[in-house]
Amino acid sequence: VNILSVNFMGWYRQAPGKQRELVARIIPLTNYADS
């Protein structure tokens, strides 16, 4: 899909035995997890 039409886009990761966490997003804003 045209990513300019989405409300959110980002990257998550899930380490073994841990919850999924947001590491970076680009839509609507760009920001990163402190780690």
Full PDB file with SEQRES, HELIX, SHEET, SSBOND, CRYST1, ORIGX, SCALE, CONECT and MASTER records, all heavy atoms in Angstrom:
SEQRES   1 A   35  VAL ASN ILE LEU SER VAL ASN PHE MET GLY TRP TYR ARG          
SEQRES   2 A   35  GLN ALA PRO GLY LYS GLN ARG GLU LEU VAL ALA ARG ILE          
SEQRES   3 A   35  ILE PRO LEU THR ASN TYR ALA ASP SER                          
HELIX    1 AA1 ILE A    3  SER A    5  5                                   3    
SHEET    1 AA1 2 MET A   9  ARG A  13  0                                        
SHEET    2 AA1 2 GLU A  21  ILE A  27 -1                                        
CRYST1    1.000    1.000    1.000  90.00  90.00  90.00 P 1           1          
ORIGX1      1.000000  0.000000  0.000000        0.00000                         
ORIGX2      0.000000  1.000000  0.000000        0.00000                         
ORIGX3      0.000000  0.000000  1.000000        0.00000                         
SCALE1      1.000000  0.000000  0.000000        0.00000                         
SCALE2      0.000000  1.000000  0.000000        0.00000                         
SCALE3      0.000000  0.000000  1.000000        0.00000                         
ATOM      1  N   VAL A   1       0.851  -1.180   0.000  1.00  0.00           N  
ATOM      2  CA  VAL A   1       0.000   0.000   0.000  1.00  0.00           C  
ATOM      3  C   VAL A   1       0.890   1.233   0.000  1.00  0.00           C  
ATOM      4  O   VAL A   1       2.054   1.159   0.414  1.00  0.00           O  
ATOM      5  CB  VAL A   1      -0.921  -0.012   1.241  1.00  0.00           C  
ATOM      6  CG1 VAL A   1      -0.122   0.177   2.519  1.00  0.00           C  
ATOM      7  CG2 VAL A   1      -2.021   1.030   1.140  1.00  0.00           C  
ATOM      8  N   ASN A   2       0.348   2.345  -0.475  1.00  0.00           N  
ATOM      9  CA  ASN A   2       1.069   3.605  -0.412  1.00  0.00           C  
ATOM     10  C   ASN A   2       1.247   3.969   1.065  1.00  0.00           C  
ATOM     11  O   ASN A   2       0.267   4.235   1.767  1.00  0.00           O  
ATOM     12  CB  ASN A   2       0.288   4.707  -1.130  1.00  0.00           C  
ATOM     13  CG  ASN A   2       1.051   6.020  -1.158  1.00  0.00           C  
ATOM     14  OD1 ASN A   2       2.016   6.218  -0.425  1.00  0.00           O  
ATOM     15  ND2 ASN A   2       0.615   6.917  -2.010  1.00  0.00           N  
ATOM     16  N   ILE A   3       2.485   3.971   1.516  1.00  0.00           N  
ATOM     17  CA  ILE A   3       2.690   4.151   2.957  1.00  0.00           C  
ATOM     18  C   ILE A   3       2.373   5.570   3.413  1.00  0.00           C  
ATOM     19  O   ILE A   3       2.243   5.814   4.610  1.00  0.00           O  
ATOM     20  CB  ILE A   3       4.119   3.737   3.386  1.00  0.00           C  
ATOM     21  CG1 ILE A   3       5.175   4.594   2.710  1.00  0.00           C  
ATOM     22  CG2 ILE A   3       4.340   2.261   3.130  1.00  0.00           C  
ATOM     23  CD1 ILE A   3       6.584   4.306   3.214  1.00  0.00           C  
ATOM     24  N   LEU A   4       2.198   6.484   2.487  1.00  0.00           N  
ATOM     25  CA  LEU A   4       1.777   7.825   2.880  1.00  0.00           C  
ATOM     26  C   LEU A   4       0.309   7.836   3.312  1.00  0.00           C  
ATOM     27  O   LEU A   4      -0.161   8.815   3.894  1.00  0.00           O  
ATOM     28  CB  LEU A   4       1.986   8.804   1.727  1.00  0.00           C  
ATOM     29  CG  LEU A   4       3.439   9.014   1.315  1.00  0.00           C  
ATOM     30  CD1 LEU A   4       3.529  10.018   0.169  1.00  0.00           C  
ATOM     31  CD2 LEU A   4       4.283   9.481   2.490  1.00  0.00           C  
ATOM     32  N   SER A   5      -0.402   6.733   3.051  1.00  0.00           N  
ATOM     33  CA  SER A   5      -1.817   6.654   3.428  1.00  0.00           C  
ATOM     34  C   SER A   5      -2.024   5.967   4.780  1.00  0.00           C  
ATOM     35  O   SER A   5      -3.158   5.874   5.251  1.00  0.00           O  
ATOM     36  CB  SER A   5      -2.599   5.895   2.358  1.00  0.00           C  
ATOM     37  OG  SER A   5      -2.247   4.519   2.358  1.00  0.00           O  
ATOM     38  N   VAL A   6      -0.953   5.475   5.394  1.00  0.00           N  
ATOM     39  CA  VAL A   6      -1.125   4.752   6.662  1.00  0.00           C  
ATOM     40  C   VAL A   6      -1.018   5.722   7.827  1.00  0.00           C  
ATOM     41  O   VAL A   6      -0.466   6.817   7.710  1.00  0.00           O  
ATOM     42  CB  VAL A   6      -0.099   3.608   6.799  1.00  0.00           C  
ATOM     43  CG1 VAL A   6      -0.176   2.681   5.591  1.00  0.00           C  
ATOM     44  CG2 VAL A   6       1.312   4.125   7.003  1.00  0.00           C  
ATOM     45  N   ASN A   7      -1.557   5.274   8.958  1.00  0.00           N  
ATOM     46  CA  ASN A   7      -1.552   6.110  10.153  1.00  0.00           C  
ATOM     47  C   ASN A   7      -0.299   5.904  11.008  1.00  0.00           C  
ATOM     48  O   ASN A   7       0.065   6.747  11.822  1.00  0.00           O  
ATOM     49  CB  ASN A   7      -2.778   5.795  11.008  1.00  0.00           C  
ATOM     50  CG  ASN A   7      -4.059   5.936  10.223  1.00  0.00           C  
ATOM     51  OD1 ASN A   7      -4.731   4.952   9.927  1.00  0.00           O  
ATOM     52  ND2 ASN A   7      -4.410   7.165   9.854  1.00  0.00           N  
ATOM     53  N   PHE A   8       0.311   4.739  10.837  1.00  0.00           N  
ATOM     54  CA  PHE A   8       1.478   4.396  11.643  1.00  0.00           C  
ATOM     55  C   PHE A   8       2.317   3.402  10.865  1.00  0.00           C  
ATOM     56  O   PHE A   8       1.773   2.528  10.172  1.00  0.00           O  
ATOM     57  CB  PHE A   8       1.053   3.760  12.976  1.00  0.00           C  
ATOM     58  CG  PHE A   8       2.205   3.274  13.820  1.00  0.00           C  
ATOM     59  CD1 PHE A   8       2.781   4.089  14.775  1.00  0.00           C  
ATOM     60  CD2 PHE A   8       2.734   1.990  13.641  1.00  0.00           C  
ATOM     61  CE1 PHE A   8       3.853   3.664  15.539  1.00  0.00           C  
ATOM     62  CE2 PHE A   8       3.805   1.549  14.397  1.00  0.00           C  
ATOM     63  CZ  PHE A   8       4.360   2.386  15.349  1.00  0.00           C  
ATOM     64  N   MET A   9       3.646   3.530  10.971  1.00  0.00           N  
ATOM     65  CA  MET A   9       4.545   2.524  10.428  1.00  0.00           C  
ATOM     66  C   MET A   9       5.803   2.500  11.278  1.00  0.00           C  
ATOM     67  O   MET A   9       6.390   3.561  11.543  1.00  0.00           O  
ATOM     68  CB  MET A   9       4.896   2.797   8.976  1.00  0.00           C  
ATOM     69  CG  MET A   9       5.657   1.655   8.326  1.00  0.00           C  
ATOM     70  SD  MET A   9       5.678   1.832   6.528  1.00  0.00           S  
ATOM     71  CE  MET A   9       6.340   0.230   6.031  1.00  0.00           C  
ATOM     72  N   GLY A  10       6.173   1.315  11.697  1.00  0.00           N  
ATOM     73  CA  GLY A  10       7.342   1.210  12.549  1.00  0.00           C  
ATOM     74  C   GLY A  10       7.885  -0.199  12.599  1.00  0.00           C  
ATOM     75  O   GLY A  10       7.349  -1.120  11.958  1.00  0.00           O  
ATOM     76  N   TRP A  11       8.966  -0.352  13.358  1.00  0.00           N  
ATOM     77  CA  TRP A  11       9.626  -1.630  13.550  1.00  0.00           C  
ATOM     78  C   TRP A  11       9.559  -2.011  15.021  1.00  0.00           C  
ATOM     79  O   TRP A  11       9.877  -1.199  15.906  1.00  0.00           O  
ATOM     80  CB  TRP A  11      11.093  -1.546  13.139  1.00  0.00           C  
ATOM     81  CG  TRP A  11      11.335  -1.513  11.668  1.00  0.00           C  
ATOM     82  CD1 TRP A  11      11.486  -0.415  10.889  1.00  0.00           C  
ATOM     83  CD2 TRP A  11      11.475  -2.641  10.807  1.00  0.00           C  
ATOM     84  NE1 TRP A  11      11.708  -0.789   9.585  1.00  0.00           N  
ATOM     85  CE2 TRP A  11      11.708  -2.154   9.509  1.00  0.00           C  
ATOM     86  CE3 TRP A  11      11.429  -4.030  11.004  1.00  0.00           C  
ATOM     87  CZ2 TRP A  11      11.893  -2.993   8.407  1.00  0.00           C  
ATOM     88  CZ3 TRP A  11      11.626  -4.855   9.912  1.00  0.00           C  
ATOM     89  CH2 TRP A  11      11.849  -4.338   8.637  1.00  0.00           C  
ATOM     90  N   TYR A  12       9.172  -3.243  15.263  1.00  0.00           N  
ATOM     91  CA  TYR A  12       9.185  -3.828  16.593  1.00  0.00           C  
ATOM     92  C   TYR A  12      10.195  -4.981  16.608  1.00  0.00           C  
ATOM     93  O   TYR A  12      10.575  -5.498  15.565  1.00  0.00           O  
ATOM     94  CB  TYR A  12       7.806  -4.404  16.947  1.00  0.00           C  
ATOM     95  CG  TYR A  12       6.740  -3.402  17.254  1.00  0.00           C  
ATOM     96  CD1 TYR A  12       6.132  -2.642  16.255  1.00  0.00           C  
ATOM     97  CD2 TYR A  12       6.292  -3.224  18.563  1.00  0.00           C  
ATOM     98  CE1 TYR A  12       5.130  -1.731  16.557  1.00  0.00           C  
ATOM     99  CE2 TYR A  12       5.289  -2.325  18.876  1.00  0.00           C  
ATOM    100  CZ  TYR A  12       4.716  -1.592  17.853  1.00  0.00           C  
ATOM    101  OH  TYR A  12       3.711  -0.695  18.156  1.00  0.00           O  
ATOM    102  N   ARG A  13      10.564  -5.367  17.807  1.00  0.00           N  
ATOM    103  CA  ARG A  13      11.351  -6.592  17.927  1.00  0.00           C  
ATOM    104  C   ARG A  13      10.869  -7.370  19.155  1.00  0.00           C  
ATOM    105  O   ARG A  13      10.338  -6.799  20.109  1.00  0.00           O  
ATOM    106  CB  ARG A  13      12.850  -6.307  18.051  1.00  0.00           C  
ATOM    107  CG  ARG A  13      13.286  -5.703  19.378  1.00  0.00           C  
ATOM    108  CD  ARG A  13      14.774  -5.426  19.373  1.00  0.00           C  
ATOM    109  NE  ARG A  13      15.197  -4.745  20.595  1.00  0.00           N  
ATOM    110  CZ  ARG A  13      16.342  -4.099  20.714  1.00  0.00           C  
ATOM    111  NH1 ARG A  13      17.200  -4.046  19.679  1.00  0.00           N  
ATOM    112  NH2 ARG A  13      16.655  -3.518  21.846  1.00  0.00           N  
ATOM    113  N   GLN A  14      11.100  -8.674  19.074  1.00  0.00           N  
ATOM    114  CA  GLN A  14      10.742  -9.549  20.192  1.00  0.00           C  
ATOM    115  C   GLN A  14      11.919 -10.462  20.483  1.00  0.00           C  
ATOM    116  O   GLN A  14      12.279 -11.305  19.651  1.00  0.00           O  
ATOM    117  CB  GLN A  14       9.495 -10.362  19.878  1.00  0.00           C  
ATOM    118  CG  GLN A  14       8.977 -11.144  21.075  1.00  0.00           C  
ATOM    119  CD  GLN A  14       7.546 -11.598  20.886  1.00  0.00           C  
ATOM    120  OE1 GLN A  14       7.029 -11.645  19.768  1.00  0.00           O  
ATOM    121  NE2 GLN A  14       6.885 -11.923  21.978  1.00  0.00           N  
ATOM    122  N   ALA A  15      12.519 -10.253  21.647  1.00  0.00           N  
ATOM    123  CA  ALA A  15      13.619 -11.106  22.084  1.00  0.00           C  
ATOM    124  C   ALA A  15      13.045 -12.352  22.735  1.00  0.00           C  
ATOM    125  O   ALA A  15      11.900 -12.341  23.217  1.00  0.00           O  
ATOM    126  CB  ALA A  15      14.503 -10.351  23.062  1.00  0.00           C  
ATOM    127  N   PRO A  16      13.815 -13.417  22.777  1.00  0.00           N  
ATOM    128  CA  PRO A  16      13.317 -14.662  23.392  1.00  0.00           C  
ATOM    129  C   PRO A  16      12.861 -14.422  24.825  1.00  0.00           C  
ATOM    130  O   PRO A  16      13.586 -13.843  25.635  1.00  0.00           O  
ATOM    131  CB  PRO A  16      14.542 -15.575  23.339  1.00  0.00           C  
ATOM    132  CG  PRO A  16      15.347 -15.071  22.202  1.00  0.00           C  
ATOM    133  CD  PRO A  16      15.148 -13.587  22.203  1.00  0.00           C  
ATOM    134  N   GLY A  17      11.634 -14.843  25.122  1.00  0.00           N  
ATOM    135  CA  GLY A  17      11.113 -14.726  26.472  1.00  0.00           C  
ATOM    136  C   GLY A  17      10.679 -13.338  26.877  1.00  0.00           C  
ATOM    137  O   GLY A  17      10.326 -13.099  28.035  1.00  0.00           O  
ATOM    138  N   LYS A  18      10.680 -12.404  25.929  1.00  0.00           N  
ATOM    139  CA  LYS A  18      10.305 -11.026  26.255  1.00  0.00           C  
ATOM    140  C   LYS A  18       9.140 -10.576  25.401  1.00  0.00           C  
ATOM    141  O   LYS A  18       8.806 -11.184  24.385  1.00  0.00           O  
ATOM    142  CB  LYS A  18      11.502 -10.090  26.054  1.00  0.00           C  
ATOM    143  CG  LYS A  18      12.649 -10.356  27.021  1.00  0.00           C  
ATOM    144  CD  LYS A  18      13.693  -9.275  26.906  1.00  0.00           C  
ATOM    145  CE  LYS A  18      14.809  -9.492  27.929  1.00  0.00           C  
ATOM    146  NZ  LYS A  18      15.842  -8.418  27.838  1.00  0.00           N  
ATOM    147  N   GLN A  19       8.527  -9.473  25.837  1.00  0.00           N  
ATOM    148  CA  GLN A  19       7.420  -8.916  25.066  1.00  0.00           C  
ATOM    149  C   GLN A  19       7.941  -8.169  23.843  1.00  0.00           C  
ATOM    150  O   GLN A  19       9.090  -7.696  23.818  1.00  0.00           O  
ATOM    151  CB  GLN A  19       6.618  -7.951  25.955  1.00  0.00           C  
ATOM    152  CG  GLN A  19       5.795  -8.633  27.026  1.00  0.00           C  
ATOM    153  CD  GLN A  19       4.849  -7.671  27.719  1.00  0.00           C  
ATOM    154  OE1 GLN A  19       5.150  -6.488  27.847  1.00  0.00           O  
ATOM    155  NE2 GLN A  19       3.713  -8.162  28.164  1.00  0.00           N  
ATOM    156  N   ARG A  20       7.083  -8.058  22.858  1.00  0.00           N  
ATOM    157  CA  ARG A  20       7.420  -7.299  21.668  1.00  0.00           C  
ATOM    158  C   ARG A  20       7.528  -5.826  22.041  1.00  0.00           C  
ATOM    159  O   ARG A  20       6.686  -5.298  22.768  1.00  0.00           O  
ATOM    160  CB  ARG A  20       6.348  -7.513  20.608  1.00  0.00           C  
ATOM    161  CG  ARG A  20       6.741  -7.134  19.209  1.00  0.00           C  
ATOM    162  CD  ARG A  20       5.695  -7.576  18.204  1.00  0.00           C  
ATOM    163  NE  ARG A  20       5.607  -9.034  18.122  1.00  0.00           N  
ATOM    164  CZ  ARG A  20       4.877  -9.661  17.183  1.00  0.00           C  
ATOM    165  NH1 ARG A  20       4.209  -8.963  16.292  1.00  0.00           N  
ATOM    166  NH2 ARG A  20       4.830 -10.981  17.175  1.00  0.00           N  
ATOM    167  N   GLU A  21       8.573  -5.153  21.539  1.00  0.00           N  
ATOM    168  CA  GLU A  21       8.773  -3.752  21.860  1.00  0.00           C  
ATOM    169  C   GLU A  21       8.997  -2.941  20.589  1.00  0.00           C  
ATOM    170  O   GLU A  21       9.586  -3.423  19.615  1.00  0.00           O  
ATOM    171  CB  GLU A  21       9.989  -3.582  22.793  1.00  0.00           C  
ATOM    172  CG  GLU A  21      11.302  -4.053  22.217  1.00  0.00           C  
ATOM    173  CD  GLU A  21      12.510  -3.679  23.052  1.00  0.00           C  
ATOM    174  OE1 GLU A  21      12.390  -2.819  23.941  1.00  0.00           O  
ATOM    175  OE2 GLU A  21      13.588  -4.256  22.801  1.00  0.00           O  
ATOM    176  N   LEU A  22       8.557  -1.690  20.641  1.00  0.00           N  
ATOM    177  CA  LEU A  22       8.756  -0.780  19.522  1.00  0.00           C  
ATOM    178  C   LEU A  22      10.189  -0.258  19.572  1.00  0.00           C  
ATOM    179  O   LEU A  22      10.611   0.270  20.603  1.00  0.00           O  
ATOM    180  CB  LEU A  22       7.768   0.380  19.609  1.00  0.00           C  
ATOM    181  CG  LEU A  22       7.872   1.459  18.534  1.00  0.00           C  
ATOM    182  CD1 LEU A  22       7.542   0.894  17.157  1.00  0.00           C  
ATOM    183  CD2 LEU A  22       6.929   2.627  18.865  1.00  0.00           C  
ATOM    184  N   VAL A  23      10.914  -0.404  18.471  1.00  0.00           N  
ATOM    185  CA  VAL A  23      12.281   0.110  18.439  1.00  0.00           C  
ATOM    186  C   VAL A  23      12.405   1.377  17.604  1.00  0.00           C  
ATOM    187  O   VAL A  23      13.262   2.218  17.901  1.00  0.00           O  
ATOM    188  CB  VAL A  23      13.301  -0.948  17.950  1.00  0.00           C  
ATOM    189  CG1 VAL A  23      13.382  -2.104  18.916  1.00  0.00           C  
ATOM    190  CG2 VAL A  23      12.973  -1.447  16.565  1.00  0.00           C  
ATOM    191  N   ALA A  24      11.580   1.526  16.599  1.00  0.00           N  
ATOM    192  CA  ALA A  24      11.667   2.730  15.767  1.00  0.00           C  
ATOM    193  C   ALA A  24      10.366   2.886  14.994  1.00  0.00           C  
ATOM    194  O   ALA A  24       9.746   1.897  14.620  1.00  0.00           O  
ATOM    195  CB  ALA A  24      12.832   2.638  14.788  1.00  0.00           C  
ATOM    196  N   ARG A  25       9.980   4.123  14.787  1.00  0.00           N  
ATOM    197  CA  ARG A  25       8.833   4.381  13.923  1.00  0.00           C  
ATOM    198  C   ARG A  25       9.195   5.516  12.978  1.00  0.00           C  
ATOM    199  O   ARG A  25      10.075   6.338  13.267  1.00  0.00           O  
ATOM    200  CB  ARG A  25       7.588   4.717  14.724  1.00  0.00           C  
ATOM    201  CG  ARG A  25       7.661   6.037  15.472  1.00  0.00           C  
ATOM    202  CD  ARG A  25       6.326   6.377  16.099  1.00  0.00           C  
ATOM    203  NE  ARG A  25       6.398   7.639  16.817  1.00  0.00           N  
ATOM    204  CZ  ARG A  25       5.359   8.236  17.401  1.00  0.00           C  
ATOM    205  NH1 ARG A  25       4.168   7.679  17.346  1.00  0.00           N  
ATOM    206  NH2 ARG A  25       5.510   9.369  18.032  1.00  0.00           N  
ATOM    207  N   ILE A  26       8.493   5.566  11.852  1.00  0.00           N  
ATOM    208  CA  ILE A  26       8.741   6.616  10.872  1.00  0.00           C  
ATOM    209  C   ILE A  26       7.478   7.383  10.524  1.00  0.00           C  
ATOM    210  O   ILE A  26       7.544   8.503  10.032  1.00  0.00           O  
ATOM    211  CB  ILE A  26       9.411   6.018   9.602  1.00  0.00           C  
ATOM    212  CG1 ILE A  26       9.921   7.122   8.686  1.00  0.00           C  
ATOM    213  CG2 ILE A  26       8.450   5.075   8.878  1.00  0.00           C  
ATOM    214  CD1 ILE A  26      10.856   6.641   7.606  1.00  0.00           C  
ATOM    215  N   ILE A  27       6.332   6.799  10.745  1.00  0.00           N  
ATOM    216  CA  ILE A  27       5.050   7.450  10.528  1.00  0.00           C  
ATOM    217  C   ILE A  27       4.252   7.311  11.811  1.00  0.00           C  
ATOM    218  O   ILE A  27       4.112   6.191  12.329  1.00  0.00           O  
ATOM    219  CB  ILE A  27       4.290   6.813   9.334  1.00  0.00           C  
ATOM    220  CG1 ILE A  27       5.084   6.996   8.036  1.00  0.00           C  
ATOM    221  CG2 ILE A  27       2.893   7.435   9.209  1.00  0.00           C  
ATOM    222  CD1 ILE A  27       4.516   6.225   6.867  1.00  0.00           C  
ATOM    223  N   PRO A  28       3.666   8.372  12.357  1.00  0.00           N  
ATOM    224  CA  PRO A  28       3.620   9.719  11.811  1.00  0.00           C  
ATOM    225  C   PRO A  28       4.877  10.549  12.056  1.00  0.00           C  
ATOM    226  O   PRO A  28       5.092  11.574  11.392  1.00  0.00           O  
ATOM    227  CB  PRO A  28       2.430  10.338  12.545  1.00  0.00           C  
ATOM    228  CG  PRO A  28       2.407   9.628  13.857  1.00  0.00           C  
ATOM    229  CD  PRO A  28       2.849   8.225  13.573  1.00  0.00           C  
ATOM    230  N   LEU A  29       5.685  10.136  13.028  1.00  0.00           N  
ATOM    231  CA  LEU A  29       6.919  10.846  13.326  1.00  0.00           C  
ATOM    232  C   LEU A  29       8.051   9.832  13.402  1.00  0.00           C  
ATOM    233  O   LEU A  29       7.821   8.649  13.638  1.00  0.00           O  
ATOM    234  CB  LEU A  29       6.820  11.589  14.662  1.00  0.00           C  
ATOM    235  CG  LEU A  29       5.743  12.667  14.785  1.00  0.00           C  
ATOM    236  CD1 LEU A  29       5.661  13.144  16.242  1.00  0.00           C  
ATOM    237  CD2 LEU A  29       6.032  13.828  13.862  1.00  0.00           C  
ATOM    238  N   THR A  30       9.266  10.331  13.272  1.00  0.00           N  
ATOM    239  CA  THR A  30      10.415   9.454  13.431  1.00  0.00           C  
ATOM    240  C   THR A  30      10.930   9.557  14.856  1.00  0.00           C  
ATOM    241  O   THR A  30      11.248  10.645  15.332  1.00  0.00           O  
ATOM    242  CB  THR A  30      11.533   9.848  12.458  1.00  0.00           C  
ATOM    243  OG1 THR A  30      11.038   9.735  11.117  1.00  0.00           O  
ATOM    244  CG2 THR A  30      12.740   8.934  12.627  1.00  0.00           C  
ATOM    245  N   ASN A  31      10.975   8.425  15.513  1.00  0.00           N  
ATOM    246  CA  ASN A  31      11.642   8.378  16.808  1.00  0.00           C  
ATOM    247  C   ASN A  31      12.063   6.950  17.118  1.00  0.00           C  
ATOM    248  O   ASN A  31      11.699   6.016  16.400  1.00  0.00           O  
ATOM    249  CB  ASN A  31      10.818   9.001  17.943  1.00  0.00           C  
ATOM    250  CG  ASN A  31       9.451   8.412  18.078  1.00  0.00           C  
ATOM    251  OD1 ASN A  31       9.196   7.288  17.651  1.00  0.00           O  
ATOM    252  ND2 ASN A  31       8.552   9.163  18.689  1.00  0.00           N  
ATOM    253  N   TYR A  32      12.851   6.811  18.184  1.00  0.00           N  
ATOM    254  CA  TYR A  32      13.524   5.552  18.488  1.00  0.00           C  
ATOM    255  C   TYR A  32      13.431   5.236  19.969  1.00  0.00           C  
ATOM    256  O   TYR A  32      13.351   6.125  20.816  1.00  0.00           O  
ATOM    257  CB  TYR A  32      15.013   5.651  18.116  1.00  0.00           C  
ATOM    258  CG  TYR A  32      15.269   6.002  16.672  1.00  0.00           C  
ATOM    259  CD1 TYR A  32      15.384   7.333  16.262  1.00  0.00           C  
ATOM    260  CD2 TYR A  32      15.376   5.011  15.706  1.00  0.00           C  
ATOM    261  CE1 TYR A  32      15.593   7.661  14.932  1.00  0.00           C  
ATOM    262  CE2 TYR A  32      15.597   5.329  14.379  1.00  0.00           C  
ATOM    263  CZ  TYR A  32      15.707   6.653  13.999  1.00  0.00           C  
ATOM    264  OH  TYR A  32      15.920   6.969  12.679  1.00  0.00           O  
ATOM    265  N   ALA A  33      13.490   3.946  20.250  1.00  0.00           N  
ATOM    266  CA  ALA A  33      13.629   3.527  21.641  1.00  0.00           C  
ATOM    267  C   ALA A  33      14.996   3.974  22.147  1.00  0.00           C  
ATOM    268  O   ALA A  33      15.962   4.039  21.376  1.00  0.00           O  
ATOM    269  CB  ALA A  33      13.497   2.015  21.749  1.00  0.00           C  
ATOM    270  N   ASP A  34      15.077   4.270  23.419  1.00  0.00           N  
ATOM    271  CA  ASP A  34      16.345   4.721  23.993  1.00  0.00           C  
ATOM    272  C   ASP A  34      17.460   3.701  23.765  1.00  0.00           C  
ATOM    273  O   ASP A  34      18.617   4.073  23.568  1.00  0.00           O  
ATOM    274  CB  ASP A  34      16.182   4.977  25.496  1.00  0.00           C  
ATOM    275  CG  ASP A  34      15.367   6.224  25.784  1.00  0.00           C  
ATOM    276  OD1 ASP A  34      15.205   7.068  24.865  1.00  0.00           O  
ATOM    277  OD2 ASP A  34      14.878   6.362  26.911  1.00  0.00           O  
ATOM    278  N   SER A  35      17.114   2.421  23.771  1.00  0.00           N  
ATOM    279  CA  SER A  35      18.119   1.368  23.662  1.00  0.00           C  
ATOM    280  C   SER A  35      18.788   1.312  22.288  1.00  0.00           C  
ATOM    281  O   SER A  35      19.856   0.710  22.138  1.00  0.00           O  
ATOM    282  CB  SER A  35      17.490   0.006  23.982  1.00  0.00           C  
ATOM    283  OG  SER A  35      16.424  -0.263  23.081  1.00  0.00           O  
TER     284      SER A  35                                                      
MASTER        0    0    0    1    2    0    0    6  283    1    0    3          
END                                                                             
